[in-house]
Protein backbone atom coordinates (compact mmCIF):
# COMPACT_ATOMS: atom_id res chain seq x y z
CA UNK A 1 11.45 -16.20 22.93
CA UNK A 2 10.73 -13.76 25.71
CA UNK A 3 12.72 -11.01 23.97
CA UNK A 4 10.61 -11.43 20.80
CA UNK A 5 7.35 -10.96 22.85
CA UNK A 6 8.80 -7.86 24.49
CA UNK A 7 9.69 -6.48 21.09
CA UNK A 8 6.19 -6.92 19.73
CA UNK A 9 4.72 -5.41 22.82
CA UNK A 10 6.91 -2.32 22.54
CA UNK A 11 5.84 -1.59 18.89
CA UNK A 12 3.95 1.67 18.44
CA UNK A 13 0.78 2.01 16.32
CA UNK A 14 2.73 3.20 13.20
CA UNK A 15 4.68 -0.03 13.17
CA UNK A 16 1.61 -2.22 13.64
CA UNK A 17 -0.19 -0.35 10.77
CA UNK A 18 2.84 -0.66 8.48
CA UNK A 19 2.77 -4.42 9.08
CA UNK A 20 -1.00 -4.89 8.60
CA UNK A 21 -1.51 -2.59 5.64
CA UNK A 22 1.60 -3.69 3.79
CA UNK A 23 1.00 -7.51 4.24
CA UNK A 24 -2.70 -7.22 3.28
CA UNK A 25 -1.79 -5.06 0.21
CA UNK A 26 0.71 -7.42 -1.12
CA UNK A 27 -1.55 -10.32 -0.57
CA UNK A 28 -4.27 -8.55 -2.48
CA UNK A 29 -1.92 -7.77 -5.29
CA UNK A 30 -1.27 -11.50 -5.69
CA UNK A 31 -4.89 -12.39 -6.25
CA UNK A 32 -6.63 -12.43 -9.58
CA UNK A 33 -9.98 -11.27 -8.36
CA UNK A 34 -9.09 -8.52 -5.78
CA UNK A 35 -5.75 -7.31 -6.99
CA UNK A 36 -6.86 -3.81 -7.63
CA UNK A 37 -7.97 -3.33 -3.96
CA UNK A 38 -4.31 -3.73 -3.02
CA UNK A 39 -3.95 -0.09 -4.16
CA UNK A 40 -6.57 1.08 -1.72
CA UNK A 41 -5.00 -0.80 1.26
CA UNK A 42 -1.61 0.20 0.22
CA UNK A 43 -2.40 3.87 0.11
CA UNK A 44 -3.84 3.60 3.62
CA UNK A 45 -0.49 2.37 4.90
CA UNK A 46 1.58 5.10 3.26
CA UNK A 47 1.10 7.87 5.93
CA UNK A 48 2.62 5.42 8.46
CA UNK A 49 5.53 4.58 6.19
CA UNK A 50 6.13 8.40 5.59
CA UNK A 51 5.95 9.14 9.37
CA UNK A 52 8.12 6.37 10.42
CA UNK A 53 10.75 6.99 7.92
CA UNK A 54 10.81 10.73 8.31
CA UNK A 55 10.98 10.63 12.18
CA UNK A 56 13.83 8.08 12.10
CA UNK A 57 15.68 10.16 9.51
CA UNK A 58 15.93 7.30 6.96
CA UNK A 59 16.04 9.26 3.72
CA UNK A 60 16.12 6.24 1.42
CA UNK A 61 13.21 4.62 2.94
CA UNK A 62 11.35 8.06 2.83
CA UNK A 63 12.02 8.38 -0.86
CA UNK A 64 10.69 4.97 -1.48
CA UNK A 65 7.58 5.62 0.48
CA UNK A 66 6.97 8.79 -1.56
CA UNK A 67 7.35 6.79 -4.75
CA UNK A 68 4.96 4.03 -3.54
CA UNK A 69 2.40 6.74 -2.62
CA UNK A 70 2.46 8.06 -6.15
CA UNK A 71 2.25 4.60 -7.58
CA UNK A 72 -0.73 3.70 -5.29
CA UNK A 73 -2.48 6.95 -6.37
CA UNK A 74 -1.82 5.96 -10.02
CA UNK A 75 -3.18 2.48 -9.45
CA UNK A 76 -6.36 3.91 -7.86
CA UNK A 77 -6.80 6.39 -10.71
CA UNK A 78 -6.25 3.62 -13.31
CA UNK A 79 -8.25 0.80 -11.78
CA UNK A 80 -11.15 2.65 -10.03
CA UNK A 81 -11.57 6.25 -11.46
CA UNK A 82 -11.24 4.95 -15.09
CA UNK A 83 -14.16 2.61 -14.56
CA UNK A 84 -16.71 5.51 -14.44
CA UNK A 85 -15.33 6.67 -17.81
CA UNK A 86 -15.74 3.22 -19.38
CA UNK A 87 -12.05 2.82 -20.15
CA UNK A 88 -11.71 -0.65 -18.66
CA UNK A 89 -12.93 -3.98 -19.84
CA UNK A 90 -14.56 -6.69 -17.64
CA UNK A 91 -11.26 -7.91 -16.21
CA UNK A 92 -10.39 -4.52 -14.91
CA UNK A 93 -7.67 -3.88 -17.43
CA UNK A 94 -7.43 -1.14 -20.08
CA UNK A 95 -9.32 -1.56 -23.35
CA UNK A 96 -7.07 -1.81 -26.40
CA UNK A 97 -8.38 0.57 -29.02
């Protein structure tokens, strides 16, 4: 148990931010009312994912982080920026024309 406490105390800020932003983002994605806010929280965590994967030379994780970054941007565009154009219905989904 003492080793686990030492491990958590030795984490740097990027690891703490990865845990917080990722867990909150996934939780929000699983809600019916606040799912679209998962994109906002998720994009906030992406710089930490990109930094951690780049500095540790984990190419696969870096590529996935880049993909998630684009996906979060797309989600923000579809669920927030489209609202001002009136392209979403009351549930926050796209209108079927």
